[in-house]
């Protein structure tokens, strides 16, 4: 029997395809991490808005009236210590 040298096993026939797959995997992992971060942040933001009275402030405005963020801040139950902020 003759000795045969086998070619190394590769997952792809071209090196450029491997780089594209790695880039795709990195993008996928990045998007998953971003999704996890946002899924954790939303409940915290909602809780803060409820505790500060932002939801009630927006709900008490007449129908069709839009408030800016500074108008909402001025109507909150607590008065800011630094109105220039």
C-alpha atoms as a PDB file:
ATOM      1  CA  UNK A   1       0.000   0.000   0.000  1.00  0.00           C
ATOM      2  CA  UNK A   2       1.191   3.415  -0.831  1.00  0.00           C
ATOM      3  CA  UNK A   3       1.171   6.231   1.680  1.00  0.00           C
ATOM      4  CA  UNK A   4      -1.245   8.951   0.735  1.00  0.00           C
ATOM      5  CA  UNK A   5      -0.990  12.479   2.061  1.00  0.00           C
ATOM      6  CA  UNK A   6      -4.439  13.820   2.618  1.00  0.00           C
ATOM      7  CA  UNK A   7      -5.395  17.407   2.061  1.00  0.00           C
ATOM      8  CA  UNK A   8      -6.233  19.272   5.269  1.00  0.00           C
ATOM      9  CA  UNK A   9      -9.938  19.507   6.001  1.00  0.00           C
ATOM     10  CA  UNK A  10     -11.469  22.899   5.423  1.00  0.00           C
ATOM     11  CA  UNK A  11     -14.988  24.143   5.884  1.00  0.00           C
ATOM     12  CA  UNK A  12     -14.848  26.224   2.748  1.00  0.00           C
ATOM     13  CA  UNK A  13     -13.092  26.014  -0.570  1.00  0.00           C
ATOM     14  CA  UNK A  14     -11.948  29.641  -0.540  1.00  0.00           C
ATOM     15  CA  UNK A  15     -10.349  31.650   2.280  1.00  0.00           C
ATOM     16  CA  UNK A  16     -12.445  34.712   1.413  1.00  0.00           C
ATOM     17  CA  UNK A  17     -15.618  32.772   2.162  1.00  0.00           C
ATOM     18  CA  UNK A  18     -14.274  31.906   5.608  1.00  0.00           C
ATOM     19  CA  UNK A  19     -13.704  35.610   6.305  1.00  0.00           C
ATOM     20  CA  UNK A  20     -17.233  36.415   5.128  1.00  0.00           C
ATOM     21  CA  UNK A  21     -18.638  33.716   7.425  1.00  0.00           C
ATOM     22  CA  UNK A  22     -16.628  35.084  10.369  1.00  0.00           C
ATOM     23  CA  UNK A  23     -17.862  38.615   9.624  1.00  0.00           C
ATOM     24  CA  UNK A  24     -21.448  37.333   9.451  1.00  0.00           C
ATOM     25  CA  UNK A  25     -20.996  35.543  12.788  1.00  0.00           C
ATOM     26  CA  UNK A  26     -19.575  38.709  14.395  1.00  0.00           C
ATOM     27  CA  UNK A  27     -22.492  40.784  13.091  1.00  0.00           C
ATOM     28  CA  UNK A  28     -24.987  38.209  14.342  1.00  0.00           C
ATOM     29  CA  UNK A  29     -23.429  38.135  17.808  1.00  0.00           C
ATOM     30  CA  UNK A  30     -23.330  41.943  17.861  1.00  0.00           C
ATOM     31  CA  UNK A  31     -27.025  42.183  16.974  1.00  0.00           C
ATOM     32  CA  UNK A  32     -27.925  39.608  19.617  1.00  0.00           C
ATOM     33  CA  UNK A  33     -25.981  41.554  22.262  1.00  0.00           C
ATOM     34  CA  UNK A  34     -27.726  44.772  21.226  1.00  0.00           C
ATOM     35  CA  UNK A  35     -31.122  43.066  21.424  1.00  0.00           C
ATOM     36  CA  UNK A  36     -30.360  41.806  24.949  1.00  0.00           C
ATOM     37  CA  UNK A  37     -29.220  45.258  26.042  1.00  0.00           C
ATOM     38  CA  UNK A  38     -32.346  46.933  24.692  1.00  0.00           C
ATOM     39  CA  UNK A  39     -34.614  44.305  26.217  1.00  0.00           C
ATOM     40  CA  UNK A  40     -33.071  45.101  29.608  1.00  0.00           C
ATOM     41  CA  UNK A  41     -33.179  48.883  29.176  1.00  0.00           C
ATOM     42  CA  UNK A  42     -36.840  49.258  28.156  1.00  0.00           C
ATOM     43  CA  UNK A  43     -38.391  48.052  31.444  1.00  0.00           C
ATOM     44  CA  UNK A  44     -36.036  50.311  33.405  1.00  0.00           C
ATOM     45  CA  UNK A  45     -36.967  53.360  31.321  1.00  0.00           C
ATOM     46  CA  UNK A  46     -40.667  52.569  31.641  1.00  0.00           C
ATOM     47  CA  UNK A  47     -40.355  52.169  35.426  1.00  0.00           C
ATOM     48  CA  UNK A  48     -38.508  55.494  35.727  1.00  0.00           C
ATOM     49  CA  UNK A  49     -41.145  57.250  33.598  1.00  0.00           C
ATOM     50  CA  UNK A  50     -43.915  55.858  35.804  1.00  0.00           C
ATOM     51  CA  UNK A  51     -42.148  56.785  39.052  1.00  0.00           C
ATOM     52  CA  UNK A  52     -41.439  60.337  37.861  1.00  0.00           C
ATOM     53  CA  UNK A  53     -45.003  60.896  36.692  1.00  0.00           C
ATOM     54  CA  UNK A  54     -44.158  61.360  33.018  1.00  0.00           C
ATOM     55  CA  UNK A  55     -46.988  59.086  31.855  1.00  0.00           C
ATOM     56  CA  UNK A  56     -49.583  60.906  33.978  1.00  0.00           C
ATOM     57  CA  UNK A  57     -48.281  64.282  32.801  1.00  0.00           C
ATOM     58  CA  UNK A  58     -48.648  63.298  29.152  1.00  0.00           C
ATOM     59  CA  UNK A  59     -52.085  61.756  29.782  1.00  0.00           C
ATOM     60  CA  UNK A  60     -53.479  64.952  31.360  1.00  0.00           C
ATOM     61  CA  UNK A  61     -52.822  67.061  28.252  1.00  0.00           C
ATOM     62  CA  UNK A  62     -55.749  67.826  25.947  1.00  0.00           C
ATOM     63  CA  UNK A  63     -56.284  65.558  22.973  1.00  0.00           C
ATOM     64  CA  UNK A  64     -54.171  66.518  19.963  1.00  0.00           C
ATOM     65  CA  UNK A  65     -51.684  68.622  21.949  1.00  0.00           C
ATOM     66  CA  UNK A  66     -48.037  67.610  21.725  1.00  0.00           C
ATOM     67  CA  UNK A  67     -45.547  68.488  24.451  1.00  0.00           C
ATOM     68  CA  UNK A  68     -41.822  68.944  24.070  1.00  0.00           C
ATOM     69  CA  UNK A  69     -39.496  67.274  26.546  1.00  0.00           C
ATOM     70  CA  UNK A  70     -38.900  70.599  28.330  1.00  0.00           C
ATOM     71  CA  UNK A  71     -42.675  71.200  28.616  1.00  0.00           C
ATOM     72  CA  UNK A  72     -43.119  67.730  30.098  1.00  0.00           C
ATOM     73  CA  UNK A  73     -40.290  68.386  32.568  1.00  0.00           C
ATOM     74  CA  UNK A  74     -41.900  71.659  33.671  1.00  0.00           C
ATOM     75  CA  UNK A  75     -45.262  69.939  34.284  1.00  0.00           C
ATOM     76  CA  UNK A  76     -43.872  67.092  36.401  1.00  0.00           C
ATOM     77  CA  UNK A  77     -45.054  66.975  40.022  1.00  0.00           C
ATOM     78  CA  UNK A  78     -41.564  67.722  41.341  1.00  0.00           C
ATOM     79  CA  UNK A  79     -39.966  71.024  40.489  1.00  0.00           C
ATOM     80  CA  UNK A  80     -36.417  70.833  39.124  1.00  0.00           C
ATOM     81  CA  UNK A  81     -33.641  72.319  41.240  1.00  0.00           C
ATOM     82  CA  UNK A  82     -31.802  73.411  38.101  1.00  0.00           C
ATOM     83  CA  UNK A  83     -34.292  74.777  35.519  1.00  0.00           C
ATOM     84  CA  UNK A  84     -31.439  75.518  33.081  1.00  0.00           C
ATOM     85  CA  UNK A  85     -30.579  71.810  32.761  1.00  0.00           C
END
